[in-house]
N, C-alpha and C. Protein backbone atom coordinates (compact mmCIF):
# COMPACT_ATOMS: atom_id res chain seq x y z
N MET A 1 5.13 -2.58 -13.09
CA MET A 1 5.30 -1.97 -11.63
C MET A 1 6.40 -2.23 -11.32
N ALA A 2 7.21 -1.23 -10.57
CA ALA A 2 8.37 -1.86 -9.55
C ALA A 2 7.89 -2.25 -8.42
N LYS A 3 8.88 -2.81 -7.73
CA LYS A 3 8.84 -3.56 -6.32
C LYS A 3 10.01 -3.14 -5.32
N VAL A 4 9.65 -2.63 -4.31
CA VAL A 4 10.83 -2.45 -3.13
C VAL A 4 11.12 -3.51 -1.95
N GLU A 5 12.13 -4.35 -1.82
CA GLU A 5 12.18 -5.38 -1.23
C GLU A 5 13.07 -4.57 0.19
N ILE A 6 12.47 -4.78 1.54
CA ILE A 6 13.05 -3.92 2.43
C ILE A 6 13.81 -5.23 3.44
N HIS A 7 15.18 -5.20 3.73
CA HIS A 7 15.70 -5.91 4.66
C HIS A 7 15.80 -5.30 6.10
N SER A 8 14.72 -5.24 6.78
CA SER A 8 14.28 -4.50 7.96
C SER A 8 15.61 -4.61 8.87
N GLU A 9 15.89 -6.16 9.12
CA GLU A 9 16.85 -5.86 10.06
C GLU A 9 18.32 -5.33 10.12
N ARG A 10 18.39 -4.83 8.73
CA ARG A 10 19.57 -4.19 8.52
C ARG A 10 19.49 -2.35 8.63
N CYS A 11 18.26 -2.05 8.85
CA CYS A 11 17.86 -0.38 8.71
C CYS A 11 18.36 -0.10 9.89
N LYS A 12 19.12 1.18 9.84
CA LYS A 12 19.39 1.78 10.90
C LYS A 12 18.32 3.22 11.22
N SER A 13 17.59 3.32 10.37
CA SER A 13 16.50 4.53 10.47
C SER A 13 17.57 5.98 9.96
N CYS A 14 18.48 6.00 8.89
CA CYS A 14 19.32 6.97 8.64
C CYS A 14 18.37 8.13 7.70
N GLY A 15 17.37 7.43 7.22
CA GLY A 15 16.40 8.16 6.41
C GLY A 15 16.80 8.67 4.98
N LEU A 16 17.88 8.16 4.66
CA LEU A 16 18.37 8.60 3.14
C LEU A 16 17.16 8.58 2.31
N CYS A 17 17.15 7.06 2.40
CA CYS A 17 16.29 6.92 0.99
C CYS A 17 15.17 7.51 1.19
N VAL A 18 14.49 7.70 2.59
CA VAL A 18 13.17 8.45 2.34
C VAL A 18 13.09 10.05 1.69
N GLU A 19 14.27 10.68 1.97
CA GLU A 19 14.63 12.13 1.29
C GLU A 19 14.98 11.81 0.06
N ILE A 20 15.51 10.83 -0.27
CA ILE A 20 15.84 10.54 -2.22
C ILE A 20 14.82 10.48 -3.10
N CYS A 21 13.61 9.76 -2.51
CA CYS A 21 12.81 9.11 -3.16
C CYS A 21 11.94 10.08 -3.92
N PRO A 22 11.82 10.17 -5.19
CA PRO A 22 11.25 11.26 -5.99
C PRO A 22 9.77 11.03 -5.70
N LYS A 23 9.05 9.76 -5.63
CA LYS A 23 7.86 9.69 -5.36
C LYS A 23 7.17 9.23 -4.02
N LYS A 24 8.01 9.50 -3.12
CA LYS A 24 7.87 9.63 -1.68
C LYS A 24 6.96 8.31 -1.45
N VAL A 25 7.59 7.15 -1.90
CA VAL A 25 7.23 5.60 -1.70
C VAL A 25 7.79 5.18 -0.29
N LEU A 26 8.59 5.82 0.34
CA LEU A 26 9.56 5.06 1.49
C LEU A 26 9.08 6.07 2.67
N ASN A 27 8.83 5.50 3.65
CA ASN A 27 8.67 6.05 5.14
C ASN A 27 9.33 5.47 6.15
N ILE A 28 10.05 6.17 7.37
CA ILE A 28 10.26 5.63 8.67
C ILE A 28 9.15 4.82 9.17
N GLY A 29 8.84 3.46 9.89
CA GLY A 29 7.66 2.91 9.96
C GLY A 29 7.82 3.48 11.66
N THR A 30 6.74 2.38 12.10
CA THR A 30 6.57 2.92 13.54
C THR A 30 7.01 1.29 14.46
N LYS A 31 7.36 -0.01 13.69
CA LYS A 31 7.56 -0.90 14.25
C LYS A 31 9.59 -0.75 14.28
N THR A 32 10.09 -1.47 15.42
CA THR A 32 11.55 -1.39 15.38
C THR A 32 11.81 -3.09 14.86
N ASN A 33 13.47 -2.99 14.64
CA ASN A 33 13.63 -4.02 14.51
C ASN A 33 14.50 -4.91 15.44
N PRO A 34 15.30 -6.04 15.70
CA PRO A 34 15.77 -6.49 16.53
C PRO A 34 16.98 -5.50 17.39
N LYS A 35 17.31 -4.70 16.34
CA LYS A 35 18.60 -3.69 16.87
C LYS A 35 18.11 -2.49 17.64
N GLY A 36 16.42 -2.35 17.66
CA GLY A 36 15.91 -1.14 18.35
C GLY A 36 15.44 0.02 17.39
N TYR A 37 16.11 -0.23 16.10
CA TYR A 37 15.80 0.87 14.95
C TYR A 37 14.31 0.75 14.89
N TYR A 38 13.81 1.94 14.46
CA TYR A 38 12.53 1.78 13.48
C TYR A 38 12.68 1.75 12.04
N PHE A 39 12.50 0.90 11.33
CA PHE A 39 12.72 0.58 9.86
C PHE A 39 11.84 1.40 8.86
N VAL A 40 12.58 1.54 7.76
CA VAL A 40 12.03 1.72 6.53
C VAL A 40 10.76 1.02 5.96
N GLU A 41 9.59 1.77 5.61
CA GLU A 41 8.56 0.82 5.06
C GLU A 41 8.13 1.59 3.60
N THR A 42 7.42 0.98 3.34
CA THR A 42 6.78 1.38 1.85
C THR A 42 5.32 2.23 2.39
N ILE A 43 5.16 3.09 1.49
CA ILE A 43 3.67 3.48 1.42
C ILE A 43 3.52 3.97 0.06
N GLU A 44 2.25 3.57 -0.14
CA GLU A 44 1.74 3.73 -1.97
C GLU A 44 3.04 3.14 -2.60
N SER A 45 3.19 2.16 -2.44
CA SER A 45 4.37 1.22 -3.31
C SER A 45 4.05 1.07 -4.83
N GLU A 46 2.45 1.31 -4.93
CA GLU A 46 2.23 1.49 -6.52
C GLU A 46 2.87 2.68 -7.39
N ASN A 47 3.42 3.70 -6.48
CA ASN A 47 3.89 4.66 -7.21
C ASN A 47 5.41 4.79 -7.39
N CYS A 48 5.81 3.65 -6.88
CA CYS A 48 7.36 3.29 -6.93
C CYS A 48 7.70 3.09 -8.89
N ILE A 49 8.75 4.11 -9.31
CA ILE A 49 8.77 3.91 -10.36
C ILE A 49 10.28 2.91 -11.36
N GLY A 50 10.88 2.51 -9.94
CA GLY A 50 11.93 1.68 -9.83
C GLY A 50 13.19 2.14 -10.66
N CYS A 51 13.57 3.72 -10.02
CA CYS A 51 14.41 4.24 -10.21
C CYS A 51 15.75 4.01 -9.44
N ALA A 52 15.55 3.17 -8.27
CA ALA A 52 16.49 2.70 -7.54
C ALA A 52 17.38 3.80 -6.67
N LEU A 53 17.05 4.58 -6.69
CA LEU A 53 17.91 6.01 -6.17
C LEU A 53 18.22 5.53 -4.44
N CYS A 54 16.87 4.94 -3.91
CA CYS A 54 16.92 4.48 -2.36
C CYS A 54 17.74 3.49 -2.44
N GLY A 55 18.08 2.37 -2.87
CA GLY A 55 19.25 1.42 -2.87
C GLY A 55 20.37 2.25 -3.13
N MET A 56 20.74 2.98 -4.21
CA MET A 56 22.12 3.40 -4.14
C MET A 56 22.56 4.04 -2.99
N VAL A 57 21.81 5.12 -2.50
CA VAL A 57 22.04 5.78 -1.41
C VAL A 57 22.46 5.54 0.04
N CYS A 58 21.28 3.88 0.37
CA CYS A 58 21.58 3.20 1.44
C CYS A 58 22.83 2.64 1.73
N PRO A 59 23.52 3.07 3.01
CA PRO A 59 24.85 2.41 3.32
C PRO A 59 24.76 1.14 3.97
N ASP A 60 23.47 0.57 4.12
CA ASP A 60 23.46 -0.89 4.88
C ASP A 60 22.99 -1.68 3.95
N ILE A 61 22.72 -1.35 2.77
CA ILE A 61 22.15 -2.71 1.93
C ILE A 61 20.90 -3.25 2.24
N VAL A 62 19.98 -2.38 2.68
CA VAL A 62 18.59 -2.52 3.12
C VAL A 62 17.49 -2.85 1.98
N LEU A 63 17.68 -2.16 0.69
CA LEU A 63 16.65 -2.11 -0.33
C LEU A 63 16.88 -2.79 -1.62
N GLU A 64 16.33 -3.30 -1.71
CA GLU A 64 16.53 -4.33 -3.01
C GLU A 64 15.23 -3.85 -4.24
N ILE A 65 15.24 -3.32 -5.09
CA ILE A 65 14.39 -2.91 -6.01
C ILE A 65 14.36 -3.56 -7.64
N TYR A 66 13.05 -4.31 -7.66
CA TYR A 66 12.78 -4.79 -8.92
C TYR A 66 11.90 -4.27 -9.71
N LYS A 67 12.49 -4.37 -11.20
CA LYS A 67 11.37 -3.67 -11.84
C LYS A 67 10.32 -4.58 -12.83
């Protein structure tokens, strides 16, 4: 099983990772980071396949993927 680690303080809610995830594991959450952005969070994290597309597309290096 893969794991996505989120550095919420860096997230700017661009949504690129949410759009590219083939298993729809990511979602823009309801909590804000210190900069005032709603940061990304995992939903149904057990469905993550560890493809790392989310990490590759993120411009702010918010996501780390572990397989």
